[in-house]
């Protein structure tokens, strides 16, 4: 097994503004972004975007290709983070089997590349028509106004002496009114909200509730970091979990023979130009990659014409460079001309990217996506990405887009869909359950 300890200690680093100006002289560089090449000279941010995109298109072979390219580049934790994020936004509580498997394998200190590849394959095999975008729509449509009143329908174990807000919260969960439950959860402290959810999940004996709630509360083991925004997003997802009837589809425990054959075929080409058998899907670039944030008149081709600066930041290339030179102030200092020649002979067995044909370069590089006066917006990204059913926010796709139209320029962070709400005092009488009546 290919142990991931081979990649231990690597992290994803950013380029300096100076070096990017040198290699992308025709591009106005955004210093908050990085442009680093992978093991086979794809832009790393684009490989992550391609992995997430293909995983939701049910293309398991191409999903595995992008996953392996990231692993070969030394992006171990980052790959797990991308897979978790793809599950979170597009699969969610209706496909808990993936989360349960990921939580029991991918957070381990010693895991094999095969574990991550299997998780990628499992994620891509969840049917695209079974995706659900309730989480996104509910977060986008959050408001101080109560979405819906609750009815007297109450779990038998509920103690009516509980606080009115907690009673409303639990009844909303029990009645499957996720938007109402989320509305109330935002009025509680996050600790209090989690306590209520844990009580509810335990009393209702929800499917795998111990593992699921542990994974959502300690999500940094899969996402790779914590943030105030993701703390609330996970709380919202836990509400959907409590309201839903999860799909219990069993996931494969081994890669399919066709998938294994594809990986073996690629392994025979590692380090060669022939490995680059897939083109970055242009549909995955907008807003979340460097190329997806620059103009049509700008291009990333120049990073292949002068490749050395773009190797810095990739764990694989930094380790390879360390054998022949050192990196000082984001510049490679070769030990000698002979060492430089030895490096190129070893790692460029075909020819250097500068000598590739236009078609060969276009596999991974090209022009930007934005019109001359266009800026990246949440609205355009959501319009093309979050198009599936929202079981807990039914028929709200148009309303969600309207809500996002006024958000202006977007920085590419999906977590910014969550915006804290300040609640004013209101008549708590509206928290009481109501009975539906027939019209006279």
Protein backbone atom coordinates (compact mmCIF):
# COMPACT_ATOMS: atom_id res chain seq x y z
CA UNK A 1 0.00 0.00 0.00
CA UNK A 2 1.11 3.50 -0.78
CA UNK A 3 1.37 4.96 2.69
CA UNK A 4 0.65 8.63 3.07
CA UNK A 5 3.58 8.99 5.40
CA UNK A 6 5.53 9.59 2.20
CA UNK A 7 3.85 12.99 2.06
CA UNK A 8 4.00 13.78 5.78
CA UNK A 9 4.75 17.36 6.77
CA UNK A 10 3.67 19.08 3.57
CA UNK A 11 1.30 22.03 3.40
CA UNK A 12 -0.17 24.27 0.73
CA UNK A 13 1.76 27.54 0.53
CA UNK A 14 1.06 30.77 -1.37
CA UNK A 15 3.23 32.57 -3.85
CA UNK A 16 4.59 36.02 -3.25
CA UNK A 17 3.22 38.90 -5.31
CA UNK A 18 6.67 39.52 -6.79
CA UNK A 19 7.14 36.04 -8.25
CA UNK A 20 3.71 35.91 -9.76
CA UNK A 21 4.29 39.20 -11.50
CA UNK A 22 7.46 37.68 -12.95
CA UNK A 23 5.78 34.57 -14.34
CA UNK A 24 2.38 36.01 -15.17
CA UNK A 25 3.44 39.39 -16.49
CA UNK A 26 0.23 39.84 -18.46
CA UNK A 27 -2.06 39.11 -15.53
CA UNK A 28 -3.21 41.47 -12.79
CA UNK A 29 -2.44 39.28 -9.81
CA UNK A 30 -4.66 38.95 -6.77
CA UNK A 31 -2.26 38.44 -3.85
CA UNK A 32 -4.92 36.53 -1.89
CA UNK A 33 -4.66 33.69 -4.40
CA UNK A 34 -1.94 31.19 -5.20
CA UNK A 35 -0.89 29.70 -8.50
CA UNK A 36 1.05 26.52 -7.92
CA UNK A 37 1.45 23.57 -10.26
CA UNK A 38 0.74 19.95 -9.39
CA UNK A 39 2.90 16.87 -10.02
CA UNK A 40 1.87 16.85 -13.70
CA UNK A 41 1.68 20.63 -14.17
CA UNK A 42 -2.00 21.27 -13.59
CA UNK A 43 -2.84 24.29 -11.42
CA UNK A 44 -3.47 22.86 -7.95
CA UNK A 45 -6.51 25.03 -7.30
CA UNK A 46 -8.02 23.76 -10.55
CA UNK A 47 -7.37 20.12 -9.64
CA UNK A 48 -9.27 20.65 -6.38
CA UNK A 49 -12.12 22.29 -8.29
CA UNK A 50 -12.15 19.45 -10.85
CA UNK A 51 -12.27 16.85 -8.08
CA UNK A 52 -15.30 18.47 -6.46
CA UNK A 53 -17.00 19.00 -9.82
CA UNK A 54 -16.53 15.45 -11.11
CA UNK A 55 -17.58 13.91 -7.80
CA UNK A 56 -21.04 15.39 -8.20
CA UNK A 57 -21.29 14.44 -11.89
CA UNK A 58 -21.01 10.71 -11.11
CA UNK A 59 -17.84 10.37 -13.17
CA UNK A 60 -15.97 8.01 -10.87
CA UNK A 61 -12.99 7.44 -13.21
CA UNK A 62 -12.23 11.13 -13.70
CA UNK A 63 -12.89 11.77 -10.00
CA UNK A 64 -10.21 9.20 -9.18
CA UNK A 65 -7.82 10.81 -11.67
CA UNK A 66 -8.02 14.22 -10.02
CA UNK A 67 -7.87 12.64 -6.56
CA UNK A 68 -4.70 10.74 -7.42
CA UNK A 69 -3.12 13.83 -8.98
CA UNK A 70 -3.58 15.65 -5.69
CA UNK A 71 -2.13 12.76 -3.70
CA UNK A 72 0.88 12.54 -6.01
CA UNK A 73 1.36 16.27 -5.47
CA UNK A 74 1.44 15.83 -1.68
CA UNK A 75 -1.98 17.38 -1.02
CA UNK A 76 -3.23 14.81 1.45
CA UNK A 77 -5.22 16.80 4.00
CA UNK A 78 -6.35 19.22 1.32
CA UNK A 79 -7.80 16.36 -0.74
CA UNK A 80 -9.81 15.09 2.23
CA UNK A 81 -11.01 18.65 2.81
CA UNK A 82 -12.21 18.96 -0.79
CA UNK A 83 -14.07 15.65 -0.62
CA UNK A 84 -15.73 16.59 2.67
CA UNK A 85 -16.76 20.00 1.31
CA UNK A 86 -18.23 18.36 -1.81
CA UNK A 87 -20.24 15.96 0.36
CA UNK A 88 -21.36 18.76 2.66
CA UNK A 89 -22.81 21.06 0.00
CA UNK A 90 -24.14 18.53 -2.51
CA UNK A 91 -24.92 15.24 -0.71
CA UNK A 92 -25.39 16.04 2.95
CA UNK A 93 -27.72 14.39 5.45
CA UNK A 94 -29.42 12.17 2.88
CA UNK A 95 -26.16 10.27 2.31
CA UNK A 96 -24.74 9.76 5.78
CA UNK A 97 -23.04 6.49 4.89
CA UNK A 98 -20.27 8.45 3.17
CA UNK A 99 -19.70 10.63 6.26
CA UNK A 100 -19.67 7.64 8.58
CA UNK A 101 -17.08 5.87 6.42
CA UNK A 102 -14.96 9.02 6.07
CA UNK A 103 -15.06 9.68 9.82
CA UNK A 104 -13.87 6.17 10.65
CA UNK A 105 -11.05 6.13 8.07
CA UNK A 106 -9.90 9.52 6.80
CA UNK A 107 -9.22 11.15 10.17
CA UNK A 108 -6.67 8.47 11.04
CA UNK A 109 -3.04 9.49 11.49
CA UNK A 110 -1.88 6.56 9.34
CA UNK A 111 -3.99 5.96 6.27
CA UNK A 112 -3.19 4.76 2.78
CA UNK A 113 -3.78 6.50 -0.51
CA UNK A 114 -6.25 3.72 -1.28
CA UNK A 115 -8.46 4.92 1.60
CA UNK A 116 -8.78 8.38 0.09
CA UNK A 117 -9.27 7.05 -3.44
CA UNK A 118 -12.05 4.77 -2.21
CA UNK A 119 -13.78 7.69 -0.46
CA UNK A 120 -13.55 9.72 -3.68
CA UNK A 121 -15.05 6.85 -5.68
CA UNK A 122 -17.84 6.39 -3.11
CA UNK A 123 -18.71 10.08 -3.23
CA UNK A 124 -18.87 10.09 -7.03
CA UNK A 125 -21.16 7.05 -7.06
CA UNK A 126 -23.97 8.81 -5.19
CA UNK A 127 -26.44 9.53 -8.06
CA UNK A 128 -26.42 13.16 -9.18
CA UNK A 129 -30.23 13.20 -9.23
CA UNK A 130 -30.16 12.37 -5.52
CA UNK A 131 -28.25 15.48 -4.60
CA UNK A 132 -29.91 17.94 -2.27
CA UNK A 133 -29.21 21.64 -1.86
CA UNK A 134 -31.35 22.31 1.20
CA UNK A 135 -28.33 23.40 3.25
CA UNK A 136 -27.34 26.07 0.75
CA UNK A 137 -30.86 27.42 0.23
CA UNK A 138 -31.70 27.53 3.93
CA UNK A 139 -28.50 29.42 4.72
CA UNK A 140 -29.08 31.83 1.83
CA UNK A 141 -32.69 32.53 2.82
CA UNK A 142 -32.10 32.96 6.56
CA UNK A 143 -34.13 35.88 7.93
CA UNK A 144 -35.32 37.39 11.21
CA UNK A 145 -38.89 36.54 10.19
CA UNK A 146 -40.31 33.20 11.34
CA UNK A 147 -40.50 30.91 8.29
CA UNK A 148 -43.42 28.86 9.57
CA UNK A 149 -45.50 28.23 12.68
CA UNK A 150 -45.31 24.83 14.34
CA UNK A 151 -48.24 22.54 15.15
CA UNK A 152 -48.98 20.64 18.41
CA UNK A 153 -47.43 17.48 16.93
CA UNK A 154 -44.89 16.62 19.63
CA UNK A 155 -42.62 13.66 20.49
CA UNK A 156 -44.01 11.64 23.42
CA UNK A 157 -40.92 12.16 25.55
CA UNK A 158 -41.00 15.98 25.39
CA UNK A 159 -41.31 17.78 28.72
CA UNK A 160 -43.75 20.69 28.34
CA UNK A 161 -42.01 22.52 31.18
CA UNK A 162 -39.00 23.21 28.94
CA UNK A 163 -38.15 26.70 27.79
CA UNK A 164 -40.49 28.01 25.05
CA UNK A 165 -37.65 28.40 22.57
CA UNK A 166 -36.38 24.88 23.16
CA UNK A 167 -39.92 23.52 22.86
CA UNK A 168 -40.33 25.31 19.53
CA UNK A 169 -36.93 24.03 18.39
CA UNK A 170 -37.70 20.39 19.21
CA UNK A 171 -41.19 20.53 17.70
CA UNK A 172 -39.77 22.03 14.51
CA UNK A 173 -37.22 19.21 14.30
CA UNK A 174 -39.91 16.58 14.95
CA UNK A 175 -42.20 18.06 12.30
CA UNK A 176 -39.39 18.23 9.72
CA UNK A 177 -39.55 22.03 9.52
CA UNK A 178 -35.85 22.62 9.04
CA UNK A 179 -36.12 26.32 8.18
CA UNK A 180 -38.09 26.98 11.36
CA UNK A 181 -35.62 24.94 13.41
CA UNK A 182 -32.70 26.88 11.89
CA UNK A 183 -34.48 30.16 12.63
CA UNK A 184 -34.70 29.20 16.29
CA UNK A 185 -31.20 27.69 16.51
CA UNK A 186 -29.70 31.06 15.58
CA UNK A 187 -31.39 32.60 18.60
CA UNK A 188 -29.74 30.16 21.01
CA UNK A 189 -26.09 29.96 21.92
CA UNK A 190 -24.32 27.39 19.79
CA UNK A 191 -23.63 25.22 22.86
CA UNK A 192 -27.27 25.30 23.86
CA UNK A 193 -28.40 24.47 20.33
CA UNK A 194 -26.06 21.49 20.15
CA UNK A 195 -27.31 20.26 23.54
CA UNK A 196 -30.89 20.28 22.27
CA UNK A 197 -29.90 18.46 19.09
CA UNK A 198 -28.01 15.80 21.06
CA UNK A 199 -31.03 15.25 23.33
CA UNK A 200 -33.36 15.02 20.35
CA UNK A 201 -31.12 12.66 18.34
CA UNK A 202 -30.63 10.40 21.35
CA UNK A 203 -34.31 10.27 22.28
CA UNK A 204 -35.32 9.61 18.68
CA UNK A 205 -32.51 7.05 18.20
CA UNK A 206 -31.57 8.58 14.87
CA UNK A 207 -29.47 6.52 12.47
CA UNK A 208 -25.77 6.49 13.53
CA UNK A 209 -26.44 9.62 15.61
CA UNK A 210 -23.38 9.23 17.86
CA UNK A 211 -20.92 9.08 14.93
CA UNK A 212 -22.73 11.69 12.85
CA UNK A 213 -22.93 14.31 15.60
CA UNK A 214 -19.33 13.65 16.63
CA UNK A 215 -18.19 14.13 13.03
CA UNK A 216 -20.18 17.34 12.58
CA UNK A 217 -19.00 18.81 15.87
CA UNK A 218 -15.35 17.87 15.25
CA UNK A 219 -15.46 18.58 11.52
CA UNK A 220 -11.94 20.04 11.50
CA UNK A 221 -10.58 16.48 11.33
CA UNK A 222 -12.03 16.24 7.81
CA UNK A 223 -12.21 19.85 6.65
CA UNK A 224 -8.75 20.60 8.01
CA UNK A 225 -9.62 23.73 9.98
CA UNK A 226 -12.34 25.41 12.01
CA UNK A 227 -14.03 28.76 11.48
CA UNK A 228 -16.94 30.64 13.00
CA UNK A 229 -18.85 30.30 9.73
CA UNK A 230 -18.38 26.55 9.47
CA UNK A 231 -19.33 26.13 13.13
CA UNK A 232 -22.77 27.48 12.24
CA UNK A 233 -22.95 25.65 8.91
CA UNK A 234 -22.39 22.35 10.72
CA UNK A 235 -25.09 23.27 13.21
CA UNK A 236 -27.47 23.89 10.32
CA UNK A 237 -26.50 20.58 8.72
CA UNK A 238 -27.17 18.78 11.99
CA UNK A 239 -30.69 20.23 11.92
CA UNK A 240 -31.24 18.80 8.45
CA UNK A 241 -29.97 15.47 9.76
CA UNK A 242 -32.50 15.52 12.58
CA UNK A 243 -35.31 16.42 10.19
CA UNK A 244 -34.45 13.94 7.45
CA UNK A 245 -34.91 10.27 6.70
CA UNK A 246 -31.36 9.42 5.56
CA UNK A 247 -30.81 7.24 2.53
CA UNK A 248 -29.09 4.10 3.78
CA UNK A 249 -27.52 3.02 0.50
CA UNK A 250 -24.53 0.80 1.11
CA UNK A 251 -21.30 2.07 -0.37
CA UNK A 252 -18.74 -0.19 -2.06
CA UNK A 253 -15.91 -1.30 0.22
CA UNK A 254 -13.46 -1.79 -2.66
CA UNK A 255 -12.71 -0.02 -5.91
CA UNK A 256 -14.43 -1.51 -8.94
CA UNK A 257 -12.14 -3.51 -11.26
CA UNK A 258 -12.58 -0.85 -13.96
CA UNK A 259 -11.43 1.81 -11.50
CA UNK A 260 -8.46 -0.29 -10.41
CA UNK A 261 -7.50 -0.85 -14.05
CA UNK A 262 -7.60 2.89 -14.75
CA UNK A 263 -5.35 3.63 -11.76
CA UNK A 264 -2.86 0.97 -12.86
CA UNK A 265 -2.81 2.48 -16.32
CA UNK A 266 -2.12 5.95 -14.94
CA UNK A 267 0.57 4.62 -12.59
CA UNK A 268 2.53 3.42 -15.58
CA UNK A 269 2.65 7.00 -16.86
CA UNK A 270 3.55 8.87 -13.66
CA UNK A 271 6.05 11.62 -14.41
CA UNK A 272 5.40 11.49 -18.15
CA UNK A 273 3.44 13.91 -20.31
CA UNK A 274 1.16 11.02 -21.28
CA UNK A 275 -0.23 11.06 -17.73
CA UNK A 276 -2.13 14.25 -18.60
CA UNK A 277 -5.04 12.38 -20.19
CA UNK A 278 -7.81 14.59 -18.77
CA UNK A 279 -8.50 18.26 -19.41
CA UNK A 280 -9.57 20.54 -16.58
CA UNK A 281 -13.37 21.01 -16.98
CA UNK A 282 -13.97 24.69 -17.69
CA UNK A 283 -17.31 24.47 -15.88
CA UNK A 284 -15.55 23.98 -12.52
CA UNK A 285 -13.38 27.10 -12.65
CA UNK A 286 -15.67 30.09 -12.09
CA UNK A 287 -15.13 31.93 -8.84
CA UNK A 288 -13.11 29.24 -7.04
CA UNK A 289 -9.87 29.19 -9.06
CA UNK A 290 -7.34 31.75 -10.23
CA UNK A 291 -8.29 31.26 -13.89
CA UNK A 292 -11.95 31.56 -12.92
CA UNK A 293 -11.30 35.06 -11.57
CA UNK A 294 -9.34 36.66 -14.42
CA UNK A 295 -10.47 38.23 -17.71
CA UNK A 296 -10.77 36.68 -21.15
CA UNK A 297 -7.83 38.83 -22.24
CA UNK A 298 -5.60 37.25 -19.59
CA UNK A 299 -4.06 33.78 -19.60
CA UNK A 300 -2.23 31.32 -17.38
CA UNK A 301 -0.14 29.84 -20.22
CA UNK A 302 2.92 31.87 -19.21
CA UNK A 303 3.34 29.76 -16.05
CA UNK A 304 4.20 26.82 -18.32
CA UNK A 305 6.63 28.88 -20.36
CA UNK A 306 8.65 29.63 -17.22
CA UNK A 307 7.75 26.76 -14.94
CA UNK A 308 10.18 26.96 -12.02
CA UNK A 309 8.44 29.64 -9.90
CA UNK A 310 5.15 27.75 -10.14
CA UNK A 311 6.68 24.60 -8.66
CA UNK A 312 7.17 26.34 -5.33
CA UNK A 313 4.27 25.57 -3.01
CA UNK A 314 3.69 22.06 -4.28
CA UNK A 315 4.91 19.54 -1.67
CA UNK A 316 6.08 17.05 -4.31
CA UNK A 317 8.11 19.62 -6.22
CA UNK A 318 9.58 21.23 -3.12
CA UNK A 319 10.88 17.85 -1.97
CA UNK A 320 12.27 17.15 -5.43
CA UNK A 321 13.96 20.55 -5.59
CA UNK A 322 15.55 20.05 -2.14
CA UNK A 323 17.76 17.31 -3.61
CA UNK A 324 19.27 19.70 -6.17
CA UNK A 325 19.00 23.14 -4.63
CA UNK A 326 17.27 25.35 -2.08
CA UNK A 327 14.33 27.74 -2.16
CA UNK A 328 15.19 31.22 -0.88
CA UNK A 329 12.72 34.11 -0.94
CA UNK A 330 10.46 32.12 -3.28
CA UNK A 331 13.27 31.64 -5.78
CA UNK A 332 15.01 28.33 -6.54
CA UNK A 333 18.78 28.50 -6.02
CA UNK A 334 20.34 25.47 -7.75
CA UNK A 335 23.45 23.95 -6.18
CA UNK A 336 25.21 24.02 -9.56
CA UNK A 337 24.51 24.01 -13.27
CA UNK A 338 25.10 20.25 -13.25
CA UNK A 339 22.47 19.80 -10.54
CA UNK A 340 20.03 21.91 -12.53
CA UNK A 341 20.62 19.71 -15.57
CA UNK A 342 20.22 16.55 -13.50
CA UNK A 343 16.91 17.83 -12.11
CA UNK A 344 15.49 18.46 -15.57
CA UNK A 345 16.72 15.14 -16.91
CA UNK A 346 15.03 13.29 -14.05
CA UNK A 347 11.73 15.13 -13.83
CA UNK A 348 11.21 16.19 -17.45
CA UNK A 349 11.85 12.93 -19.35
CA UNK A 350 9.81 14.01 -22.39
CA UNK A 351 10.25 17.74 -22.87
CA UNK A 352 9.78 20.87 -20.80
CA UNK A 353 6.30 22.48 -20.76
CA UNK A 354 7.61 25.49 -22.69
CA UNK A 355 8.10 23.19 -25.69
CA UNK A 356 4.64 21.63 -25.57
CA UNK A 357 2.17 22.25 -28.37
CA UNK A 358 -0.71 24.65 -27.93
CA UNK A 359 -3.13 21.73 -27.58
CA UNK A 360 -0.95 20.05 -24.94
CA UNK A 361 -0.82 23.23 -22.89
CA UNK A 362 -4.58 23.73 -23.22
CA UNK A 363 -5.15 20.54 -21.20
CA UNK A 364 -4.37 22.51 -18.05
CA UNK A 365 -3.96 26.18 -18.95
CA UNK A 366 -5.76 28.86 -20.89
CA UNK A 367 -7.61 32.14 -20.90
CA UNK A 368 -9.59 33.57 -18.02
CA UNK A 369 -13.37 33.28 -17.77
CA UNK A 370 -14.52 36.82 -17.05
CA UNK A 371 -15.76 39.41 -19.54
CA UNK A 372 -13.82 42.72 -19.64
CA UNK A 373 -16.02 44.44 -17.04
CA UNK A 374 -17.28 41.35 -15.22
CA UNK A 375 -16.66 40.54 -11.56
CA UNK A 376 -17.18 37.25 -9.71
CA UNK A 377 -20.55 37.09 -7.98
CA UNK A 378 -22.26 34.69 -5.64
CA UNK A 379 -25.34 34.88 -7.85
CA UNK A 380 -23.70 33.54 -11.00
CA UNK A 381 -21.88 30.77 -9.13
CA UNK A 382 -25.03 29.61 -7.33
CA UNK A 383 -27.13 29.79 -10.51
CA UNK A 384 -25.01 27.16 -12.21
CA UNK A 385 -23.93 25.09 -9.20
CA UNK A 386 -26.86 24.81 -6.77
CA UNK A 387 -29.62 23.68 -9.09
CA UNK A 388 -30.87 20.46 -7.49
CA UNK A 389 -33.93 19.88 -5.31
CA UNK A 390 -34.03 21.34 -1.83
CA UNK A 391 -36.13 18.91 0.15
CA UNK A 392 -36.31 21.15 3.22
CA UNK A 393 -36.60 24.42 1.29
CA UNK A 394 -39.02 23.35 -1.41
CA UNK A 395 -39.34 25.49 -4.54
CA UNK A 396 -36.92 28.15 -3.24
CA UNK A 397 -34.32 28.13 -6.02
CA UNK A 398 -35.55 31.39 -7.53
CA UNK A 399 -35.90 33.05 -4.11
CA UNK A 400 -32.36 31.98 -3.26
CA UNK A 401 -31.00 33.56 -6.45
CA UNK A 402 -32.92 36.78 -5.80
CA UNK A 403 -31.42 36.88 -2.31
CA UNK A 404 -27.90 36.57 -3.73
CA UNK A 405 -28.27 39.15 -6.51
CA UNK A 406 -27.37 42.06 -4.25
CA UNK A 407 -24.35 40.47 -2.57
CA UNK A 408 -21.88 42.04 -5.00
CA UNK A 409 -18.34 40.76 -5.51
CA UNK A 410 -17.67 37.28 -4.12
CA UNK A 411 -14.28 36.12 -2.79
CA UNK A 412 -14.81 32.43 -3.66
CA UNK A 413 -15.42 31.20 -0.09
CA UNK A 414 -18.53 29.01 0.06
CA UNK A 415 -18.78 29.52 3.81
CA UNK A 416 -19.66 33.18 3.26
CA UNK A 417 -23.18 32.03 2.40
CA UNK A 418 -23.72 32.09 6.16
CA UNK A 419 -24.37 35.59 7.45
CA UNK A 420 -25.03 36.15 11.19
CA UNK A 421 -28.46 37.59 11.99
CA UNK A 422 -29.26 39.97 14.83
CA UNK A 423 -32.67 39.24 16.30
CA UNK A 424 -34.78 41.92 17.92
CA UNK A 425 -37.27 41.33 20.73
CA UNK A 426 -40.57 39.85 19.56
CA UNK A 427 -43.82 38.53 21.00
CA UNK A 428 -43.01 34.98 22.10
CA UNK A 429 -46.66 34.07 21.65
CA UNK A 430 -45.79 33.15 18.05
CA UNK A 431 -43.73 30.25 19.41
CA UNK A 432 -46.86 28.48 20.58
CA UNK A 433 -48.18 25.68 18.37
CA UNK A 434 -51.21 26.36 16.20
CA UNK A 435 -53.85 24.03 14.79
CA UNK A 436 -54.71 24.16 11.14
CA UNK A 437 -58.36 24.99 10.39
CA UNK A 438 -60.54 24.47 7.37
CA UNK A 439 -61.94 27.52 5.65
CA UNK A 440 -65.62 28.17 6.30
